[in-house]
C-alpha cells in the first residue's frame, strides 16, 4: 500500500470509534475536532473506503471501520505498553497523570497527596477531574480513579486511601431542644431531616445497620441539598437532622455545635480506594503517585461513603 496510514491517523480512528464522538476524541488527543474530521476524510479517500458513519448528531464506525479498529486496539495497546516500559525506566517520571474522583475526594487529594507528589516529581502534571458519579476510567482515558472498596471492579487493582469511616446523623442543640431524641431510625419520621438526591434525581434513603439488621429510611424534610458540607452547615443552623460523613462533622461535634444521634446504628465501613486497570503496564507517574499515597498514615485521611460521589446520603446504584 503506497499510502500507509500514519500512527496519528490510526490513534484518531481508534479514539473516535471508542468515544463515538469527534469532540470527546479531540479532547483526549488534544486536537481540534475539525482537525480530526479532516484527517479521517483524507484517510478514507486514500484507503478508498468509508470508515465512519457521520450524522449531525453522532458518529460511529462502519463495518470496515469496526473491523480495522478491532485489529488496531491490541497493536496500539502493545505499543503504548512498550513506550510505558521505556517511561518506567527513567529515574524521574514525567508526563500527565489523569485521575477521576468525587469533588470531596478531590479536595482531600489537594490537601494531602497532590502537593507532596508535585513537589517530589516536578516533571509530572496532574489532570484531576471531579465527577459527581463514577465513570469508566478505561473508556474515558483515565489512569486511575477513586471509589469505595466494595465498588472497585474485580479486574482492577485497588490501593487504600485513608482509613475506615462511617455516616452519622447529627443535629444542633438548638434543634434538639424540646424534642424527643430519635432512638431508632424509624423515629426520624417525627423530625425535620435535611435530604438529598442522587445525580440522576432520585431521592436518597438513609441507611442504618445494627446487629446485622439493615434499615433504609425515606426521611421527611423540606430542605434538599447535594453536598455534605452544606448539609452540615444546615444542621448547625438548626434546620434539622443531617446524615453526613463523620470526618465532615467531626470538628463541629468536638466543638459542641452538633450532637451525634443513633450512633449504635452507624457502623464503620472500609473506606475509599484508588483503582487502576490490572491488565496494563503501570506508568512510572502512576507508580510514583501510589507510593506517595501509601505514605500517608491510614488514620490521617478519612472520607464518608456518600462523599465519594459528592453526596450526603446513601449511594444508589454506585
C-alpha atoms as a PDB file:
ATOM      1  CA  UNK A   1       0.000   0.000   0.000  1.00  0.00           C
ATOM      2  CA  UNK A   2       1.530   3.257  -1.161  1.00  0.00           C
ATOM      3  CA  UNK A   3      -0.464   5.488   1.192  1.00  0.00           C
ATOM      4  CA  UNK A   4       0.115   3.734   4.507  1.00  0.00           C
ATOM      5  CA  UNK A   5      -1.901   5.365   7.350  1.00  0.00           C
ATOM      6  CA  UNK A   6       0.159   7.219   9.905  1.00  0.00           C
ATOM      7  CA  UNK A   7       0.213   6.252  13.577  1.00  0.00           C
ATOM      8  CA  UNK A   8      -1.597   9.514  14.396  1.00  0.00           C
ATOM      9  CA  UNK A   9      -4.409   8.691  11.964  1.00  0.00           C
ATOM     10  CA  UNK A  10      -4.824   5.243  13.480  1.00  0.00           C
ATOM     11  CA  UNK A  11      -4.885   6.683  17.004  1.00  0.00           C
ATOM     12  CA  UNK A  12      -7.511   9.209  15.906  1.00  0.00           C
ATOM     13  CA  UNK A  13      -9.673   6.495  14.317  1.00  0.00           C
ATOM     14  CA  UNK A  14      -9.490   4.327  17.445  1.00  0.00           C
ATOM     15  CA  UNK A  15     -10.355   7.263  19.704  1.00  0.00           C
ATOM     16  CA  UNK A  16     -13.364   8.281  17.591  1.00  0.00           C
ATOM     17  CA  UNK A  17     -14.628   4.684  17.493  1.00  0.00           C
ATOM     18  CA  UNK A  18     -14.252   4.395  21.281  1.00  0.00           C
ATOM     19  CA  UNK A  19     -15.966   7.666  22.196  1.00  0.00           C
ATOM     20  CA  UNK A  20     -18.476   7.771  19.301  1.00  0.00           C
ATOM     21  CA  UNK A  21     -17.732  11.483  19.283  1.00  0.00           C
ATOM     22  CA  UNK A  22     -15.314  13.766  17.444  1.00  0.00           C
ATOM     23  CA  UNK A  23     -15.373  16.235  20.339  1.00  0.00           C
ATOM     24  CA  UNK A  24     -14.526  13.683  23.051  1.00  0.00           C
ATOM     25  CA  UNK A  25     -11.831  12.115  20.882  1.00  0.00           C
ATOM     26  CA  UNK A  26     -10.423  15.592  20.205  1.00  0.00           C
ATOM     27  CA  UNK A  27     -10.365  16.330  23.946  1.00  0.00           C
ATOM     28  CA  UNK A  28      -8.469  13.105  24.628  1.00  0.00           C
ATOM     29  CA  UNK A  29      -5.923  13.732  21.867  1.00  0.00           C
ATOM     30  CA  UNK A  30      -5.714  17.496  22.497  1.00  0.00           C
ATOM     31  CA  UNK A  31      -6.592  18.301  18.885  1.00  0.00           C
ATOM     32  CA  UNK A  32      -9.364  20.356  17.306  1.00  0.00           C
ATOM     33  CA  UNK A  33     -12.468  18.377  16.196  1.00  0.00           C
ATOM     34  CA  UNK A  34     -12.138  19.892  12.725  1.00  0.00           C
ATOM     35  CA  UNK A  35      -8.589  18.505  12.508  1.00  0.00           C
ATOM     36  CA  UNK A  36      -9.868  15.017  13.329  1.00  0.00           C
ATOM     37  CA  UNK A  37     -12.653  15.282  10.744  1.00  0.00           C
ATOM     38  CA  UNK A  38     -10.250  16.443   8.032  1.00  0.00           C
ATOM     39  CA  UNK A  39      -7.772  13.708   8.956  1.00  0.00           C
ATOM     40  CA  UNK A  40     -10.429  10.964   8.721  1.00  0.00           C
ATOM     41  CA  UNK A  41     -11.735  12.263   5.404  1.00  0.00           C
ATOM     42  CA  UNK A  42      -8.212  12.115   3.997  1.00  0.00           C
ATOM     43  CA  UNK A  43      -7.649   8.602   5.357  1.00  0.00           C
ATOM     44  CA  UNK A  44     -10.923   7.337   3.880  1.00  0.00           C
ATOM     45  CA  UNK A  45     -10.053   8.883   0.495  1.00  0.00           C
ATOM     46  CA  UNK A  46      -6.634   7.222   0.436  1.00  0.00           C
ATOM     47  CA  UNK A  47      -7.991   3.829   1.504  1.00  0.00           C
ATOM     48  CA  UNK A  48     -10.921   4.074  -0.884  1.00  0.00           C
ATOM     49  CA  UNK A  49     -13.473   3.033   1.746  1.00  0.00           C
ATOM     50  CA  UNK A  50     -15.701   4.709   4.308  1.00  0.00           C
ATOM     51  CA  UNK A  51     -14.619   4.055   7.890  1.00  0.00           C
ATOM     52  CA  UNK A  52     -17.087   6.250   9.798  1.00  0.00           C
ATOM     53  CA  UNK A  53     -20.810   6.915   9.567  1.00  0.00           C
ATOM     54  CA  UNK A  54     -21.389  10.602  10.269  1.00  0.00           C
ATOM     55  CA  UNK A  55     -24.591  12.497  11.022  1.00  0.00           C
ATOM     56  CA  UNK A  56     -25.133  15.938  12.510  1.00  0.00           C
ATOM     57  CA  UNK A  57     -25.731  14.274  15.897  1.00  0.00           C
ATOM     58  CA  UNK A  58     -23.478  11.199  16.024  1.00  0.00           C
ATOM     59  CA  UNK A  59     -20.555   9.301  14.593  1.00  0.00           C
ATOM     60  CA  UNK A  60     -19.965   5.537  14.543  1.00  0.00           C
ATOM     61  CA  UNK A  61     -17.637   3.149  12.708  1.00  0.00           C
ATOM     62  CA  UNK A  62     -18.811   1.340   9.573  1.00  0.00           C
ATOM     63  CA  UNK A  63     -18.348  -2.415   9.392  1.00  0.00           C
ATOM     64  CA  UNK A  64     -14.996  -1.873   7.695  1.00  0.00           C
ATOM     65  CA  UNK A  65     -14.039   0.722  10.288  1.00  0.00           C
ATOM     66  CA  UNK A  66     -15.062  -1.528  13.175  1.00  0.00           C
ATOM     67  CA  UNK A  67     -13.022  -4.443  11.804  1.00  0.00           C
ATOM     68  CA  UNK A  68      -9.993  -2.207  11.382  1.00  0.00           C
ATOM     69  CA  UNK A  69     -10.307  -0.757  14.886  1.00  0.00           C
ATOM     70  CA  UNK A  70     -10.681  -4.221  16.449  1.00  0.00           C
ATOM     71  CA  UNK A  71      -7.406  -5.265  14.810  1.00  0.00           C
ATOM     72  CA  UNK A  72      -5.745  -1.994  15.786  1.00  0.00           C
ATOM     73  CA  UNK A  73      -6.596  -1.992  19.515  1.00  0.00           C
ATOM     74  CA  UNK A  74      -4.205  -4.769  20.633  1.00  0.00           C
ATOM     75  CA  UNK A  75      -1.473  -3.332  18.410  1.00  0.00           C
ATOM     76  CA  UNK A  76      -1.864   0.147  19.891  1.00  0.00           C
ATOM     77  CA  UNK A  77      -2.042  -1.248  23.441  1.00  0.00           C
ATOM     78  CA  UNK A  78       1.178  -3.160  22.827  1.00  0.00           C
ATOM     79  CA  UNK A  79       2.823  -0.011  21.502  1.00  0.00           C
ATOM     80  CA  UNK A  80       1.627   2.050  24.480  1.00  0.00           C
ATOM     81  CA  UNK A  81       2.872  -0.671  26.815  1.00  0.00           C
ATOM     82  CA  UNK A  82       6.306  -0.658  25.197  1.00  0.00           C
ATOM     83  CA  UNK A  83       6.508   3.121  25.474  1.00  0.00           C
ATOM     84  CA  UNK A  84       5.338   2.943  29.097  1.00  0.00           C
ATOM     85  CA  UNK A  85       8.146   0.493  29.884  1.00  0.00           C
ATOM     86  CA  UNK A  86      10.619   2.977  28.447  1.00  0.00           C
ATOM     87  CA  UNK A  87       8.980   5.686  30.555  1.00  0.00           C
ATOM     88  CA  UNK A  88       9.222   3.480  33.656  1.00  0.00           C
ATOM     89  CA  UNK A  89      12.946   3.049  33.143  1.00  0.00           C
ATOM     90  CA  UNK A  90      13.568   6.743  33.713  1.00  0.00           C
ATOM     91  CA  UNK A  91      14.708   7.849  37.145  1.00  0.00           C
ATOM     92  CA  UNK A  92      12.419  10.888  37.076  1.00  0.00           C
ATOM     93  CA  UNK A  93       8.868  10.224  35.798  1.00  0.00           C
ATOM     94  CA  UNK A  94       7.322  12.931  33.672  1.00  0.00           C
ATOM     95  CA  UNK A  95       4.113  13.439  31.769  1.00  0.00           C
ATOM     96  CA  UNK A  96       0.459  13.848  32.772  1.00  0.00           C
ATOM     97  CA  UNK A  97      -1.413  11.669  35.255  1.00  0.00           C
ATOM     98  CA  UNK A  98      -5.207  11.653  34.665  1.00  0.00           C
ATOM     99  CA  UNK A  99      -7.349  10.844  37.703  1.00  0.00           C
ATOM    100  CA  UNK A 100     -11.087  10.999  38.357  1.00  0.00           C
ATOM    101  CA  UNK A 101     -12.683  11.317  41.810  1.00  0.00           C
ATOM    102  CA  UNK A 102     -15.637  12.933  43.529  1.00  0.00           C
ATOM    103  CA  UNK A 103     -15.335  16.592  44.485  1.00  0.00           C
ATOM    104  CA  UNK A 104     -14.875  15.707  48.157  1.00  0.00           C
ATOM    105  CA  UNK A 105     -12.140  13.160  47.468  1.00  0.00           C
ATOM    106  CA  UNK A 106     -10.544  15.610  45.036  1.00  0.00           C
ATOM    107  CA  UNK A 107     -10.390  18.205  47.819  1.00  0.00           C
ATOM    108  CA  UNK A 108      -8.768  15.645  50.121  1.00  0.00           C
ATOM    109  CA  UNK A 109      -6.187  14.845  47.452  1.00  0.00           C
ATOM    110  CA  UNK A 110      -5.425  18.548  47.038  1.00  0.00           C
ATOM    111  CA  UNK A 111      -4.878  18.860  50.787  1.00  0.00           C
ATOM    112  CA  UNK A 112      -2.726  15.748  51.137  1.00  0.00           C
ATOM    113  CA  UNK A 113      -1.270  13.675  48.307  1.00  0.00           C
ATOM    114  CA  UNK A 114      -1.079  16.039  45.326  1.00  0.00           C
ATOM    115  CA  UNK A 115       1.104  18.795  46.861  1.00  0.00           C
ATOM    116  CA  UNK A 116       3.634  16.186  48.001  1.00  0.00           C
ATOM    117  CA  UNK A 117       3.523  14.397  44.641  1.00  0.00           C
ATOM    118  CA  UNK A 118       4.057  17.535  42.544  1.00  0.00           C
ATOM    119  CA  UNK A 119       6.766  18.753  44.883  1.00  0.00           C
ATOM    120  CA  UNK A 120       8.626  15.469  44.659  1.00  0.00           C
ATOM    121  CA  UNK A 121       8.165  14.986  40.892  1.00  0.00           C
ATOM    122  CA  UNK A 122       8.273  18.438  39.247  1.00  0.00           C
ATOM    123  CA  UNK A 123       8.229  16.967  35.729  1.00  0.00           C
ATOM    124  CA  UNK A 124       4.785  15.439  36.350  1.00  0.00           C
ATOM    125  CA  UNK A 125       1.416  17.127  35.820  1.00  0.00           C
ATOM    126  CA  UNK A 126      -1.889  16.016  37.379  1.00  0.00           C
ATOM    127  CA  UNK A 127      -5.156  16.235  35.433  1.00  0.00           C
ATOM    128  CA  UNK A 128      -7.724  15.764  38.216  1.00  0.00           C
ATOM    129  CA  UNK A 129     -11.353  15.600  37.064  1.00  0.00           C
ATOM    130  CA  UNK A 130     -14.028  15.901  39.781  1.00  0.00           C
ATOM    131  CA  UNK A 131     -17.085  13.894  38.707  1.00  0.00           C
ATOM    132  CA  UNK A 132     -20.344  13.552  40.685  1.00  0.00           C
ATOM    133  CA  UNK A 133     -20.727   9.937  39.517  1.00  0.00           C
ATOM    134  CA  UNK A 134     -18.435   7.068  38.609  1.00  0.00           C
ATOM    135  CA  UNK A 135     -17.014   6.818  35.084  1.00  0.00           C
ATOM    136  CA  UNK A 136     -15.398   4.040  33.068  1.00  0.00           C
ATOM    137  CA  UNK A 137     -11.768   5.008  33.555  1.00  0.00           C
ATOM    138  CA  UNK A 138     -10.572   2.828  30.656  1.00  0.00           C
ATOM    139  CA  UNK A 139     -13.091   4.166  28.137  1.00  0.00           C
ATOM    140  CA  UNK A 140     -12.595   7.756  29.286  1.00  0.00           C
ATOM    141  CA  UNK A 141      -8.809   7.602  29.190  1.00  0.00           C
ATOM    142  CA  UNK A 142      -8.041   7.952  32.911  1.00  0.00           C
ATOM    143  CA  UNK A 143      -5.004   6.377  34.547  1.00  0.00           C
ATOM    144  CA  UNK A 144      -6.844   5.809  37.845  1.00  0.00           C
ATOM    145  CA  UNK A 145      -9.963   6.660  39.843  1.00  0.00           C
ATOM    146  CA  UNK A 146     -11.288   6.601  43.404  1.00  0.00           C
ATOM    147  CA  UNK A 147     -14.313   4.762  44.813  1.00  0.00           C
ATOM    148  CA  UNK A 148     -15.468   2.685  47.784  1.00  0.00           C
ATOM    149  CA  UNK A 149     -13.565  -0.557  48.217  1.00  0.00           C
ATOM    150  CA  UNK A 150     -16.551  -2.843  47.679  1.00  0.00           C
ATOM    151  CA  UNK A 151     -17.386  -0.982  44.453  1.00  0.00           C
ATOM    152  CA  UNK A 152     -13.989  -1.469  42.774  1.00  0.00           C
ATOM    153  CA  UNK A 153     -14.405  -3.720  39.689  1.00  0.00           C
ATOM    154  CA  UNK A 154     -12.806  -7.137  40.068  1.00  0.00           C
ATOM    155  CA  UNK A 155     -10.429  -6.634  37.151  1.00  0.00           C
ATOM    156  CA  UNK A 156      -8.911  -3.540  38.798  1.00  0.00           C
ATOM    157  CA  UNK A 157      -6.057  -3.147  41.257  1.00  0.00           C
ATOM    158  CA  UNK A 158      -7.087  -1.292  44.431  1.00  0.00           C
ATOM    159  CA  UNK A 159      -4.942   0.737  46.851  1.00  0.00           C
ATOM    160  CA  UNK A 160      -6.430   2.028  50.124  1.00  0.00           C
ATOM    161  CA  UNK A 161      -6.691   5.797  50.587  1.00  0.00           C
ATOM    162  CA  UNK A 162      -7.192   6.629  54.255  1.00  0.00           C
ATOM    163  CA  UNK A 163      -8.961   4.568  56.876  1.00  0.00           C
ATOM    164  CA  UNK A 164     -12.415   3.377  57.777  1.00  0.00           C
ATOM    165  CA  UNK A 165     -15.209   5.870  58.230  1.00  0.00           C
ATOM    166  CA  UNK A 166     -18.954   5.988  58.857  1.00  0.00           C
ATOM    167  CA  UNK A 167     -22.052   8.096  58.300  1.00  0.00           C
ATOM    168  CA  UNK A 168     -23.573   9.921  61.272  1.00  0.00           C
ATOM    169  CA  UNK A 169     -26.943  11.536  61.939  1.00  0.00           C
ATOM    170  CA  UNK A 170     -26.235  14.941  63.507  1.00  0.00           C
ATOM    171  CA  UNK A 171     -28.241  17.916  64.748  1.00  0.00           C
ATOM    172  CA  UNK A 172     -27.647  21.137  66.673  1.00  0.00           C
ATOM    173  CA  UNK A 173     -28.531  21.513  70.366  1.00  0.00           C
ATOM    174  CA  UNK A 174     -30.962  24.302  69.411  1.00  0.00           C
ATOM    175  CA  UNK A 175     -32.861  21.957  67.077  1.00  0.00           C
ATOM    176  CA  UNK A 176     -32.958  19.139  69.639  1.00  0.00           C
ATOM    177  CA  UNK A 177     -34.171  21.372  72.481  1.00  0.00           C
ATOM    178  CA  UNK A 178     -37.721  20.440  73.406  1.00  0.00           C
ATOM    179  CA  UNK A 179     -37.805  17.475  71.009  1.00  0.00           C
ATOM    180  CA  UNK A 180     -37.647  13.742  71.720  1.00  0.00           C
ATOM    181  CA  UNK A 181     -34.326  12.266  70.624  1.00  0.00           C
ATOM    182  CA  UNK A 182     -34.645   9.555  67.969  1.00  0.00           C
ATOM    183  CA  UNK A 183     -33.878   6.138  69.460  1.00  0.00           C
ATOM    184  CA  UNK A 184     -34.297   4.120  66.266  1.00  0.00           C
ATOM    185  CA  UNK A 185     -34.138   5.080  62.569  1.00  0.00           C
ATOM    186  CA  UNK A 186     -37.941   4.912  62.364  1.00  0.00           C
ATOM    187  CA  UNK A 187     -38.136   7.762  64.904  1.00  0.00           C
ATOM    188  CA  UNK A 188     -36.734  10.103  62.218  1.00  0.00           C
ATOM    189  CA  UNK A 189     -40.220  10.257  60.716  1.00  0.00           C
ATOM    190  CA  UNK A 190     -41.147  12.691  63.520  1.00  0.00           C
ATOM    191  CA  UNK A 191     -38.264  15.076  62.714  1.00  0.00           C
ATOM    192  CA  UNK A 192     -37.212  17.611  60.110  1.00  0.00           C
ATOM    193  CA  UNK A 193     -34.448  15.953  58.052  1.00  0.00           C
ATOM    194  CA  UNK A 194     -32.103  17.552  55.552  1.00  0.00           C
ATOM    195  CA  UNK A 195     -32.496  15.418  52.455  1.00  0.00           C
ATOM    196  CA  UNK A 196     -30.501  14.903  49.263  1.00  0.00           C
ATOM    197  CA  UNK A 197     -30.801  13.325  45.831  1.00  0.00           C
ATOM    198  CA  UNK A 198     -28.549  11.212  43.637  1.00  0.00           C
ATOM    199  CA  UNK A 199     -27.107  12.765  40.428  1.00  0.00           C
ATOM    200  CA  UNK A 200     -29.963  11.149  38.452  1.00  0.00           C
ATOM    201  CA  UNK A 201     -32.555  12.946  40.586  1.00  0.00           C
ATOM    202  CA  UNK A 202     -33.732  10.090  42.806  1.00  0.00           C
ATOM    203  CA  UNK A 203     -34.344  10.749  46.495  1.00  0.00           C
ATOM    204  CA  UNK A 204     -31.750   9.130  48.755  1.00  0.00           C
ATOM    205  CA  UNK A 205     -32.723   6.921  51.654  1.00  0.00           C
ATOM    206  CA  UNK A 206     -30.665   6.963  54.844  1.00  0.00           C
ATOM    207  CA  UNK A 207     -29.205   3.528  55.573  1.00  0.00           C
ATOM    208  CA  UNK A 208     -28.535   2.294  59.105  1.00  0.00           C
ATOM    209  CA  UNK A 209     -27.342  -1.040  60.481  1.00  0.00           C
ATOM    210  CA  UNK A 210     -27.221  -2.682  63.901  1.00  0.00           C
ATOM    211  CA  UNK A 211     -26.515  -6.321  64.811  1.00  0.00           C
ATOM    212  CA  UNK A 212     -26.851  -7.286  61.162  1.00  0.00           C
ATOM    213  CA  UNK A 213     -30.214  -5.549  60.748  1.00  0.00           C
ATOM    214  CA  UNK A 214     -30.196  -3.043  57.875  1.00  0.00           C
ATOM    215  CA  UNK A 215     -32.812  -0.293  57.820  1.00  0.00           C
ATOM    216  CA  UNK A 216     -33.302   2.140  54.912  1.00  0.00           C
ATOM    217  CA  UNK A 217     -35.405   5.180  55.804  1.00  0.00           C
ATOM    218  CA  UNK A 218     -37.008   7.600  53.348  1.00  0.00           C
ATOM    219  CA  UNK A 219     -36.784  10.560  55.720  1.00  0.00           C
ATOM    220  CA  UNK A 220     -39.132  13.562  55.657  1.00  0.00           C
ATOM    221  CA  UNK A 221     -37.872  17.094  55.127  1.00  0.00           C
ATOM    222  CA  UNK A 222     -38.410  20.320  53.226  1.00  0.00           C
ATOM    223  CA  UNK A 223     -34.733  21.149  52.572  1.00  0.00           C
ATOM    224  CA  UNK A 224     -32.823  19.233  49.872  1.00  0.00           C
ATOM    225  CA  UNK A 225     -29.059  19.705  49.374  1.00  0.00           C
ATOM    226  CA  UNK A 226     -26.364  17.880  47.416  1.00  0.00           C
ATOM    227  CA  UNK A 227     -23.162  18.455  49.406  1.00  0.00           C
ATOM    228  CA  UNK A 228     -22.063  17.058  52.753  1.00  0.00           C
ATOM    229  CA  UNK A 229     -20.644  20.413  53.822  1.00  0.00           C
ATOM    230  CA  UNK A 230     -23.904  22.223  53.006  1.00  0.00           C
ATOM    231  CA  UNK A 231     -25.937  19.660  54.935  1.00  0.00           C
ATOM    232  CA  UNK A 232     -23.616  20.034  57.913  1.00  0.00           C
ATOM    233  CA  UNK A 233     -23.992  23.821  57.814  1.00  0.00           C
ATOM    234  CA  UNK A 234     -27.776  23.485  57.634  1.00  0.00           C
ATOM    235  CA  UNK A 235     -27.725  21.232  60.692  1.00  0.00           C
ATOM    236  CA  UNK A 236     -25.584  23.772  62.578  1.00  0.00           C
ATOM    237  CA  UNK A 237     -28.196  26.428  61.752  1.00  0.00           C
ATOM    238  CA  UNK A 238     -30.868  24.295  63.420  1.00  0.00           C
ATOM    239  CA  UNK A 239     -32.707  23.408  60.209  1.00  0.00           C
ATOM    240  CA  UNK A 240     -32.949  19.722  61.035  1.00  0.00           C
ATOM    241  CA  UNK A 241     -31.064  16.438  61.247  1.00  0.00           C
ATOM    242  CA  UNK A 242     -28.362  15.766  58.652  1.00  0.00           C
ATOM    243  CA  UNK A 243     -26.790  12.441  57.656  1.00  0.00           C
ATOM    244  CA  UNK A 244     -23.160  13.169  56.798  1.00  0.00           C
ATOM    245  CA  UNK A 245     -19.705  11.547  56.802  1.00  0.00           C
ATOM    246  CA  UNK A 246     -18.210  11.621  60.298  1.00  0.00           C
ATOM    247  CA  UNK A 247     -14.997  13.394  59.146  1.00  0.00           C
ATOM    248  CA  UNK A 248     -17.069  16.288  57.750  1.00  0.00           C
ATOM    249  CA  UNK A 249     -18.869  16.752  61.079  1.00  0.00           C
ATOM    250  CA  UNK A 250     -16.038  15.817  63.454  1.00  0.00           C
ATOM    251  CA  UNK A 251     -14.783  19.351  64.185  1.00  0.00           C
ATOM    252  CA  UNK A 252     -18.321  20.586  64.873  1.00  0.00           C
ATOM    253  CA  UNK A 253     -19.023  17.600  67.123  1.00  0.00           C
ATOM    254  CA  UNK A 254     -15.875  18.302  69.131  1.00  0.00           C
ATOM    255  CA  UNK A 255     -16.832  21.987  69.402  1.00  0.00           C
ATOM    256  CA  UNK A 256     -20.288  21.065  70.686  1.00  0.00           C
ATOM    257  CA  UNK A 257     -22.211  22.836  67.933  1.00  0.00           C
ATOM    258  CA  UNK A 258     -23.505  19.470  66.701  1.00  0.00           C
ATOM    259  CA  UNK A 259     -24.553  16.321  68.530  1.00  0.00           C
ATOM    260  CA  UNK A 260     -24.484  12.818  67.069  1.00  0.00           C
ATOM    261  CA  UNK A 261     -27.611  10.664  67.070  1.00  0.00           C
ATOM    262  CA  UNK A 262     -28.269   6.943  66.591  1.00  0.00           C
ATOM    263  CA  UNK A 263     -24.555   6.146  66.962  1.00  0.00           C
ATOM    264  CA  UNK A 264     -25.201   2.448  67.605  1.00  0.00           C
ATOM    265  CA  UNK A 265     -26.949   2.325  64.213  1.00  0.00           C
ATOM    266  CA  UNK A 266     -23.927   3.810  62.374  1.00  0.00           C
ATOM    267  CA  UNK A 267     -21.220   1.141  61.924  1.00  0.00           C
ATOM    268  CA  UNK A 268     -17.905   1.839  60.140  1.00  0.00           C
ATOM    269  CA  UNK A 269     -17.125   0.720  56.597  1.00  0.00           C
ATOM    270  CA  UNK A 270     -13.755   0.152  54.844  1.00  0.00           C
ATOM    271  CA  UNK A 271     -13.378   3.483  53.073  1.00  0.00           C
ATOM    272  CA  UNK A 272     -12.030   4.732  49.750  1.00  0.00           C
ATOM    273  CA  UNK A 273      -9.551   3.135  47.339  1.00  0.00           C
ATOM    274  CA  UNK A 274      -7.574   4.278  44.340  1.00  0.00           C
ATOM    275  CA  UNK A 275      -8.070   1.794  41.496  1.00  0.00           C
ATOM    276  CA  UNK A 276      -6.491   1.239  38.090  1.00  0.00           C
ATOM    277  CA  UNK A 277      -6.544  -1.431  35.346  1.00  0.00           C
ATOM    278  CA  UNK A 278      -4.823  -4.649  36.344  1.00  0.00           C
ATOM    279  CA  UNK A 279      -4.053  -5.751  32.781  1.00  0.00           C
ATOM    280  CA  UNK A 280      -1.922  -2.753  31.797  1.00  0.00           C
ATOM    281  CA  UNK A 281       1.669  -1.871  32.476  1.00  0.00           C
ATOM    282  CA  UNK A 282       1.655   0.708  35.285  1.00  0.00           C
ATOM    283  CA  UNK A 283       3.178   4.019  34.078  1.00  0.00           C
ATOM    284  CA  UNK A 284       6.013   5.467  36.125  1.00  0.00           C
ATOM    285  CA  UNK A 285       3.927   8.519  37.059  1.00  0.00           C
ATOM    286  CA  UNK A 286       1.114   6.390  38.487  1.00  0.00           C
ATOM    287  CA  UNK A 287       3.567   4.203  40.398  1.00  0.00           C
ATOM    288  CA  UNK A 288       5.117   7.330  41.913  1.00  0.00           C
ATOM    289  CA  UNK A 289       1.660   8.688  42.826  1.00  0.00           C
ATOM    290  CA  UNK A 290       0.754   5.415  44.542  1.00  0.00           C
ATOM    291  CA  UNK A 291       3.995   5.487  46.527  1.00  0.00           C
ATOM    292  CA  UNK A 292       3.136   8.984  47.800  1.00  0.00           C
ATOM    293  CA  UNK A 293      -0.448   7.956  48.591  1.00  0.00           C
ATOM    294  CA  UNK A 294       0.712   4.920  50.587  1.00  0.00           C
ATOM    295  CA  UNK A 295       2.996   7.109  52.683  1.00  0.00           C
ATOM    296  CA  UNK A 296       0.031   8.857  54.339  1.00  0.00           C
ATOM    297  CA  UNK A 297      -0.970   7.184  57.633  1.00  0.00           C
ATOM    298  CA  UNK A 298      -4.261   5.315  57.380  1.00  0.00           C
ATOM    299  CA  UNK A 299      -5.822   7.360  60.170  1.00  0.00           C
ATOM    300  CA  UNK A 300      -4.809  10.720  58.718  1.00  0.00           C
ATOM    301  CA  UNK A 301      -7.307  10.692  55.840  1.00  0.00           C
ATOM    302  CA  UNK A 302     -10.942   9.672  56.096  1.00  0.00           C
ATOM    303  CA  UNK A 303     -13.989  10.258  53.944  1.00  0.00           C
ATOM    304  CA  UNK A 304     -17.602   9.174  54.089  1.00  0.00           C
ATOM    305  CA  UNK A 305     -19.308   6.811  51.664  1.00  0.00           C
ATOM    306  CA  UNK A 306     -21.614   9.409  50.179  1.00  0.00           C
ATOM    307  CA  UNK A 307     -18.781  11.928  49.917  1.00  0.00           C
ATOM    308  CA  UNK A 308     -17.157   9.625  47.365  1.00  0.00           C
ATOM    309  CA  UNK A 309     -19.731  10.820  44.841  1.00  0.00           C
ATOM    310  CA  UNK A 310     -20.222  14.236  46.395  1.00  0.00           C
ATOM    311  CA  UNK A 311     -23.455  13.390  48.212  1.00  0.00           C
ATOM    312  CA  UNK A 312     -24.531  13.096  51.821  1.00  0.00           C
ATOM    313  CA  UNK A 313     -26.943  10.193  51.589  1.00  0.00           C
ATOM    314  CA  UNK A 314     -26.613   6.508  50.677  1.00  0.00           C
ATOM    315  CA  UNK A 315     -25.406   5.747  47.180  1.00  0.00           C
ATOM    316  CA  UNK A 316     -27.917   4.103  44.860  1.00  0.00           C
ATOM    317  CA  UNK A 317     -26.526   2.028  42.050  1.00  0.00           C
ATOM    318  CA  UNK A 318     -22.955   3.122  42.627  1.00  0.00           C
END
